[in-house]
C-alpha atoms as a PDB file:
ATOM      1  CA  UNK A   1       0.000   0.000   0.000  1.00  0.00           C
ATOM      2  CA  UNK A   2       2.546   2.654   1.095  1.00  0.00           C
ATOM      3  CA  UNK A   3       6.101   2.560  -0.168  1.00  0.00           C
ATOM      4  CA  UNK A   4       8.939   2.703   2.349  1.00  0.00           C
ATOM      5  CA  UNK A   5       9.845   6.290   1.444  1.00  0.00           C
ATOM      6  CA  UNK A   6       6.315   7.479   2.246  1.00  0.00           C
ATOM      7  CA  UNK A   7       6.176   5.532   5.513  1.00  0.00           C
ATOM      8  CA  UNK A   8       9.466   7.042   6.621  1.00  0.00           C
ATOM      9  CA  UNK A   9       8.365  10.539   5.601  1.00  0.00           C
ATOM     10  CA  UNK A  10       5.112  10.195   7.556  1.00  0.00           C
ATOM     11  CA  UNK A  11       7.063   9.188  10.657  1.00  0.00           C
ATOM     12  CA  UNK A  12       9.639  11.975  10.197  1.00  0.00           C
ATOM     13  CA  UNK A  13       7.158  14.756   9.387  1.00  0.00           C
ATOM     14  CA  UNK A  14       4.032  13.618  11.199  1.00  0.00           C
ATOM     15  CA  UNK A  15       3.720  16.695  13.405  1.00  0.00           C
ATOM     16  CA  UNK A  16       3.867  18.904  10.313  1.00  0.00           C
ATOM     17  CA  UNK A  17       1.343  16.948   8.248  1.00  0.00           C
ATOM     18  CA  UNK A  18      -1.102  16.075  11.026  1.00  0.00           C
ATOM     19  CA  UNK A  19      -3.132  19.315  10.721  1.00  0.00           C
ATOM     20  CA  UNK A  20      -3.788  18.618   7.032  1.00  0.00           C
ATOM     21  CA  UNK A  21      -4.665  15.022   7.782  1.00  0.00           C
ATOM     22  CA  UNK A  22      -7.034  16.044  10.566  1.00  0.00           C
ATOM     23  CA  UNK A  23      -8.732  18.472   8.207  1.00  0.00           C
ATOM     24  CA  UNK A  24      -9.084  15.836   5.491  1.00  0.00           C
ATOM     25  CA  UNK A  25     -10.100  13.031   7.878  1.00  0.00           C
ATOM     26  CA  UNK A  26     -12.085  14.658  10.702  1.00  0.00           C
ATOM     27  CA  UNK A  27     -13.818  11.408  11.691  1.00  0.00           C
ATOM     28  CA  UNK A  28     -10.600   9.640  12.663  1.00  0.00           C
ATOM     29  CA  UNK A  29     -10.652   9.160  16.430  1.00  0.00           C
ATOM     30  CA  UNK A  30      -8.041  10.508  18.857  1.00  0.00           C
ATOM     31  CA  UNK A  31      -6.666   7.069  19.685  1.00  0.00           C
ATOM     32  CA  UNK A  32      -6.070   6.444  15.981  1.00  0.00           C
ATOM     33  CA  UNK A  33      -4.069   9.662  15.647  1.00  0.00           C
ATOM     34  CA  UNK A  34      -1.794   8.451  18.424  1.00  0.00           C
ATOM     35  CA  UNK A  35      -0.971   5.355  16.385  1.00  0.00           C
ATOM     36  CA  UNK A  36      -0.757   7.056  12.987  1.00  0.00           C
ATOM     37  CA  UNK A  37       2.830   8.236  13.350  1.00  0.00           C
ATOM     38  CA  UNK A  38       4.198   4.824  14.245  1.00  0.00           C
ATOM     39  CA  UNK A  39       1.957   2.849  11.876  1.00  0.00           C
ATOM     40  CA  UNK A  40       1.045   4.831   8.734  1.00  0.00           C
ATOM     41  CA  UNK A  41      -0.429   1.763   7.004  1.00  0.00           C
ATOM     42  CA  UNK A  42      -2.894   1.233   9.829  1.00  0.00           C
ATOM     43  CA  UNK A  43      -3.818   4.910   9.586  1.00  0.00           C
ATOM     44  CA  UNK A  44      -4.628   4.434   5.892  1.00  0.00           C
ATOM     45  CA  UNK A  45      -6.950   1.548   6.771  1.00  0.00           C
ATOM     46  CA  UNK A  46      -8.615   3.520   9.560  1.00  0.00           C
ATOM     47  CA  UNK A  47      -9.060   6.664   7.457  1.00  0.00           C
ATOM     48  CA  UNK A  48     -10.463   4.636   4.562  1.00  0.00           C
ATOM     49  CA  UNK A  49     -12.966   2.962   6.856  1.00  0.00           C
ATOM     50  CA  UNK A  50     -14.050   6.267   8.443  1.00  0.00           C
ATOM     51  CA  UNK A  51     -14.528   8.025   5.083  1.00  0.00           C
ATOM     52  CA  UNK A  52     -15.738   5.208   2.868  1.00  0.00           C
ATOM     53  CA  UNK A  53     -12.842   5.852   0.472  1.00  0.00           C
ATOM     54  CA  UNK A  54     -10.662   3.052  -0.788  1.00  0.00           C
ATOM     55  CA  UNK A  55      -7.347   2.411   0.933  1.00  0.00           C
ATOM     56  CA  UNK A  56      -5.596   3.191  -2.353  1.00  0.00           C
ATOM     57  CA  UNK A  57      -7.261   6.619  -2.482  1.00  0.00           C
ATOM     58  CA  UNK A  58      -6.275   7.442   1.098  1.00  0.00           C
ATOM     59  CA  UNK A  59      -2.722   6.200   0.503  1.00  0.00           C
ATOM     60  CA  UNK A  60      -2.423   8.379  -2.602  1.00  0.00           C
ATOM     61  CA  UNK A  61      -3.723  11.436  -0.725  1.00  0.00           C
ATOM     62  CA  UNK A  62      -1.309  10.767   2.122  1.00  0.00           C
ATOM     63  CA  UNK A  63       1.557  10.468  -0.331  1.00  0.00           C
ATOM     64  CA  UNK A  64       0.652  13.833  -1.902  1.00  0.00           C
ATOM     65  CA  UNK A  65       0.494  15.535   1.490  1.00  0.00           C
ATOM     66  CA  UNK A  66       3.839  14.054   2.528  1.00  0.00           C
ATOM     67  CA  UNK A  67       5.487  15.227  -0.707  1.00  0.00           C
ATOM     68  CA  UNK A  68       4.760  18.821   0.276  1.00  0.00           C
ATOM     69  CA  UNK A  69       7.028  18.409   3.308  1.00  0.00           C
ATOM     70  CA  UNK A  70       9.824  16.323   1.898  1.00  0.00           C
ATOM     71  CA  UNK A  71      12.415  17.423  -0.616  1.00  0.00           C
ATOM     72  CA  UNK A  72      12.597  15.434  -3.831  1.00  0.00           C
ATOM     73  CA  UNK A  73      15.660  13.316  -4.229  1.00  0.00           C
END
């Protein structure tokens, strides 16, 4: 679902991207936010379930948000 680069970027930049994620996924519960930084794949599953979107769609949106905070290599 998520490539290693995206997982690492989520972990490294979680505090920066969390506000955008909270805005996009307002129905994700507090306990799930606590786990999102350490387990981005589980977050994708949780966000997909709470929004009715596919996991692929959520993963793609997460990847786009992360790219805003990480330099291209």
